[in-house]
Amino acid sequence: MNNQFPHASPDQYFWAANGTIIRNIPELAYALEGMDPYHFQQHVNEQKNDFSTWITSTLGDGALATQLQGKDQKEHQIILLKHMINAMR
């Protein structure tokens, strides 16, 4: 499944506050499943959305990144999973 999704190059991997290394959308969706709210808020809060920024700048998917703006952790997961399902069709 991961072959359908662009991978970040090693110098552009997303290093989450909890130590998780993320290379693509499926890995981000999986990482969010186990991420505690404290670490999620280190990346997503009123001032920023690091996941959205990374998706745009590294993976080149501005449309997906825009969908994540202003969303909470569960909404991030749902949006990413829907994106993955649609990509597999």
N, C-alpha and C. Protein backbone atom coordinates (compact mmCIF):
# COMPACT_ATOMS: atom_id res chain seq x y z
N MET A 1 0.82 -1.20 0.00
CA MET A 1 0.00 0.00 0.00
C MET A 1 0.86 1.26 0.00
N ASN A 2 1.96 1.29 0.75
CA ASN A 2 2.76 2.50 0.86
C ASN A 2 3.38 2.93 -0.46
N ASN A 3 3.49 2.01 -1.44
CA ASN A 3 4.08 2.37 -2.72
C ASN A 3 3.22 3.36 -3.49
N GLN A 4 1.94 3.46 -3.16
CA GLN A 4 1.04 4.39 -3.84
C GLN A 4 1.20 5.82 -3.33
N PHE A 5 1.90 5.99 -2.25
CA PHE A 5 2.00 7.30 -1.61
C PHE A 5 3.44 7.78 -1.66
N PRO A 6 3.63 9.06 -1.99
CA PRO A 6 5.00 9.58 -2.05
C PRO A 6 5.70 9.49 -0.69
N HIS A 7 6.96 9.16 -0.74
CA HIS A 7 7.80 9.11 0.46
C HIS A 7 8.67 10.36 0.51
N ALA A 8 8.84 10.88 1.67
CA ALA A 8 9.78 11.98 1.86
C ALA A 8 11.20 11.42 1.77
N SER A 9 12.11 12.24 1.30
CA SER A 9 13.50 11.82 1.31
C SER A 9 13.99 11.85 2.76
N PRO A 10 15.02 11.09 3.08
CA PRO A 10 15.47 11.01 4.47
C PRO A 10 15.71 12.36 5.15
N ASP A 11 16.18 13.34 4.41
CA ASP A 11 16.42 14.64 5.04
C ASP A 11 15.13 15.44 5.26
N GLN A 12 14.00 14.91 4.78
CA GLN A 12 12.72 15.59 4.96
C GLN A 12 11.70 14.75 5.74
N TYR A 13 12.16 13.68 6.39
CA TYR A 13 11.26 12.91 7.24
C TYR A 13 10.69 13.83 8.31
N PHE A 14 9.48 13.53 8.74
CA PHE A 14 8.87 14.29 9.83
C PHE A 14 9.24 13.61 11.14
N TRP A 15 9.88 14.33 12.00
CA TRP A 15 10.26 13.82 13.32
C TRP A 15 9.25 14.36 14.32
N ALA A 16 8.35 13.50 14.77
CA ALA A 16 7.31 13.91 15.71
C ALA A 16 7.90 14.13 17.10
N ALA A 17 7.21 14.91 17.88
CA ALA A 17 7.66 15.25 19.23
C ALA A 17 7.81 14.02 20.13
N ASN A 18 7.09 12.94 19.81
CA ASN A 18 7.19 11.72 20.61
C ASN A 18 8.28 10.78 20.10
N GLY A 19 9.05 11.21 19.10
CA GLY A 19 10.16 10.42 18.58
C GLY A 19 9.84 9.60 17.34
N THR A 20 8.59 9.57 16.93
CA THR A 20 8.19 8.82 15.75
C THR A 20 8.71 9.51 14.49
N ILE A 21 9.22 8.71 13.57
CA ILE A 21 9.69 9.22 12.28
C ILE A 21 8.64 8.85 11.23
N ILE A 22 8.21 9.86 10.46
CA ILE A 22 7.14 9.67 9.49
C ILE A 22 7.67 10.00 8.10
N ARG A 23 7.39 9.08 7.15
CA ARG A 23 7.89 9.26 5.78
C ARG A 23 6.79 9.50 4.76
N ASN A 24 5.54 9.17 5.10
CA ASN A 24 4.46 9.28 4.12
C ASN A 24 3.10 9.37 4.83
N ILE A 25 2.04 9.47 4.06
CA ILE A 25 0.70 9.63 4.62
C ILE A 25 0.26 8.41 5.44
N PRO A 26 0.43 7.17 4.97
CA PRO A 26 0.04 6.03 5.81
C PRO A 26 0.78 6.01 7.15
N GLU A 27 2.05 6.35 7.14
CA GLU A 27 2.80 6.39 8.40
C GLU A 27 2.29 7.50 9.31
N LEU A 28 1.88 8.62 8.75
CA LEU A 28 1.31 9.70 9.55
C LEU A 28 0.00 9.25 10.18
N ALA A 29 -0.87 8.62 9.39
CA ALA A 29 -2.15 8.14 9.91
C ALA A 29 -1.91 7.15 11.05
N TYR A 30 -0.97 6.24 10.87
CA TYR A 30 -0.65 5.26 11.91
C TYR A 30 -0.06 5.93 13.15
N ALA A 31 0.80 6.91 12.95
CA ALA A 31 1.42 7.62 14.08
C ALA A 31 0.38 8.37 14.90
N LEU A 32 -0.60 8.94 14.24
CA LEU A 32 -1.64 9.68 14.96
C LEU A 32 -2.48 8.75 15.83
N GLU A 33 -2.62 7.50 15.41
CA GLU A 33 -3.40 6.53 16.18
C GLU A 33 -2.81 6.34 17.58
N GLY A 34 -1.50 6.31 17.68
CA GLY A 34 -0.86 6.07 18.96
C GLY A 34 -0.32 7.30 19.65
N MET A 35 -0.53 8.47 19.07
CA MET A 35 0.02 9.70 19.62
C MET A 35 -0.88 10.25 20.73
N ASP A 36 -0.27 10.58 21.86
CA ASP A 36 -1.07 11.15 22.94
C ASP A 36 -1.38 12.61 22.64
N PRO A 37 -2.44 13.15 23.24
CA PRO A 37 -2.86 14.53 22.95
C PRO A 37 -1.77 15.57 23.19
N TYR A 38 -0.94 15.37 24.19
CA TYR A 38 0.14 16.33 24.47
C TYR A 38 1.07 16.47 23.26
N HIS A 39 1.50 15.34 22.73
CA HIS A 39 2.42 15.38 21.59
C HIS A 39 1.73 15.89 20.33
N PHE A 40 0.46 15.55 20.15
CA PHE A 40 -0.28 16.09 19.00
C PHE A 40 -0.31 17.60 19.08
N GLN A 41 -0.57 18.15 20.24
CA GLN A 41 -0.67 19.61 20.40
C GLN A 41 0.67 20.30 20.24
N GLN A 42 1.76 19.56 20.33
CA GLN A 42 3.07 20.14 20.04
C GLN A 42 3.18 20.49 18.56
N HIS A 43 2.41 19.78 17.75
CA HIS A 43 2.45 19.98 16.30
C HIS A 43 1.24 20.72 15.74
N VAL A 44 0.11 20.60 16.41
CA VAL A 44 -1.12 21.22 15.92
C VAL A 44 -1.75 22.01 17.05
N ASN A 45 -1.82 23.31 16.85
CA ASN A 45 -2.45 24.20 17.83
C ASN A 45 -2.94 25.45 17.11
N GLU A 46 -3.34 26.44 17.83
CA GLU A 46 -3.88 27.66 17.21
C GLU A 46 -2.85 28.39 16.36
N GLN A 47 -1.58 28.22 16.65
CA GLN A 47 -0.53 28.93 15.92
C GLN A 47 0.00 28.18 14.70
N LYS A 48 -0.16 26.86 14.67
CA LYS A 48 0.47 26.11 13.58
C LYS A 48 -0.17 24.75 13.39
N ASN A 49 0.13 24.16 12.24
CA ASN A 49 -0.21 22.76 11.97
C ASN A 49 0.98 22.18 11.21
N ASP A 50 1.90 21.61 11.96
CA ASP A 50 3.12 21.08 11.37
C ASP A 50 2.84 19.97 10.36
N PHE A 51 1.81 19.16 10.61
CA PHE A 51 1.50 18.07 9.69
C PHE A 51 1.05 18.63 8.34
N SER A 52 0.18 19.61 8.38
CA SER A 52 -0.30 20.26 7.17
C SER A 52 0.86 20.90 6.40
N THR A 53 1.71 21.60 7.12
CA THR A 53 2.87 22.25 6.49
C THR A 53 3.78 21.22 5.84
N TRP A 54 4.04 20.11 6.53
CA TRP A 54 4.90 19.06 6.00
C TRP A 54 4.29 18.41 4.76
N ILE A 55 2.99 18.16 4.80
CA ILE A 55 2.31 17.54 3.65
C ILE A 55 2.42 18.44 2.43
N THR A 56 2.28 19.74 2.63
CA THR A 56 2.40 20.67 1.50
C THR A 56 3.84 20.77 1.02
N SER A 57 4.75 21.09 1.92
CA SER A 57 6.12 21.39 1.51
C SER A 57 6.93 20.16 1.11
N THR A 58 6.66 19.02 1.72
CA THR A 58 7.46 17.83 1.46
C THR A 58 6.79 16.86 0.50
N LEU A 59 5.50 16.62 0.70
CA LEU A 59 4.80 15.64 -0.13
C LEU A 59 4.06 16.29 -1.29
N GLY A 60 3.95 17.62 -1.28
CA GLY A 60 3.36 18.33 -2.40
C GLY A 60 1.86 18.19 -2.56
N ASP A 61 1.15 17.92 -1.47
CA ASP A 61 -0.30 17.74 -1.55
C ASP A 61 -1.01 18.86 -0.78
N GLY A 62 -1.09 20.02 -1.43
CA GLY A 62 -1.72 21.18 -0.80
C GLY A 62 -3.18 20.98 -0.51
N ALA A 63 -3.89 20.23 -1.35
CA ALA A 63 -5.32 20.00 -1.14
C ALA A 63 -5.55 19.22 0.16
N LEU A 64 -4.79 18.17 0.36
CA LEU A 64 -4.91 17.39 1.60
C LEU A 64 -4.52 18.24 2.80
N ALA A 65 -3.45 18.98 2.67
CA ALA A 65 -2.98 19.83 3.77
C ALA A 65 -4.05 20.84 4.17
N THR A 66 -4.75 21.41 3.22
CA THR A 66 -5.80 22.38 3.51
C THR A 66 -6.94 21.73 4.28
N GLN A 67 -7.26 20.49 3.97
CA GLN A 67 -8.32 19.79 4.68
C GLN A 67 -8.01 19.61 6.16
N LEU A 68 -6.74 19.57 6.51
CA LEU A 68 -6.34 19.33 7.90
C LEU A 68 -6.37 20.60 8.75
N GLN A 69 -6.42 21.75 8.13
CA GLN A 69 -6.38 23.00 8.88
C GLN A 69 -7.57 23.11 9.83
N GLY A 70 -7.30 23.48 11.07
CA GLY A 70 -8.35 23.69 12.06
C GLY A 70 -9.01 22.43 12.57
N LYS A 71 -8.41 21.28 12.35
CA LYS A 71 -9.00 20.00 12.75
C LYS A 71 -8.28 19.43 13.96
N ASP A 72 -9.02 18.63 14.74
CA ASP A 72 -8.42 17.97 15.90
C ASP A 72 -7.79 16.64 15.49
N GLN A 73 -7.27 15.92 16.45
CA GLN A 73 -6.52 14.70 16.16
C GLN A 73 -7.38 13.64 15.48
N LYS A 74 -8.57 13.39 15.98
CA LYS A 74 -9.44 12.38 15.36
C LYS A 74 -9.83 12.79 13.95
N GLU A 75 -10.10 14.07 13.75
CA GLU A 75 -10.45 14.55 12.41
C GLU A 75 -9.26 14.39 11.46
N HIS A 76 -8.05 14.62 11.95
CA HIS A 76 -6.85 14.38 11.14
C HIS A 76 -6.84 12.92 10.67
N GLN A 77 -7.05 12.01 11.61
CA GLN A 77 -7.03 10.59 11.28
C GLN A 77 -8.08 10.25 10.23
N ILE A 78 -9.29 10.73 10.41
CA ILE A 78 -10.38 10.44 9.47
C ILE A 78 -10.05 10.96 8.08
N ILE A 79 -9.59 12.19 8.02
CA ILE A 79 -9.24 12.80 6.72
C ILE A 79 -8.13 12.00 6.04
N LEU A 80 -7.11 11.63 6.80
CA LEU A 80 -5.99 10.87 6.21
C LEU A 80 -6.44 9.49 5.74
N LEU A 81 -7.28 8.83 6.53
CA LEU A 81 -7.76 7.50 6.13
C LEU A 81 -8.65 7.58 4.89
N LYS A 82 -9.51 8.57 4.82
CA LYS A 82 -10.33 8.76 3.62
C LYS A 82 -9.45 9.02 2.41
N HIS A 83 -8.42 9.83 2.59
CA HIS A 83 -7.49 10.13 1.51
C HIS A 83 -6.82 8.84 1.02
N MET A 84 -6.42 7.99 1.94
CA MET A 84 -5.76 6.73 1.58
C MET A 84 -6.72 5.81 0.83
N ILE A 85 -7.95 5.73 1.29
CA ILE A 85 -8.95 4.88 0.62
C ILE A 85 -9.19 5.37 -0.79
N ASN A 86 -9.37 6.69 -0.94
CA ASN A 86 -9.60 7.24 -2.27
C ASN A 86 -8.42 7.02 -3.20
N ALA A 87 -7.22 7.06 -2.68
CA ALA A 87 -6.02 6.84 -3.49
C ALA A 87 -5.92 5.40 -3.98
N MET A 88 -6.51 4.48 -3.26
CA MET A 88 -6.45 3.06 -3.63
C MET A 88 -7.52 2.66 -4.62
N ARG A 89 -8.47 3.55 -4.88
CA ARG A 89 -9.55 3.21 -5.83
C ARG A 89 -9.07 3.24 -7.24
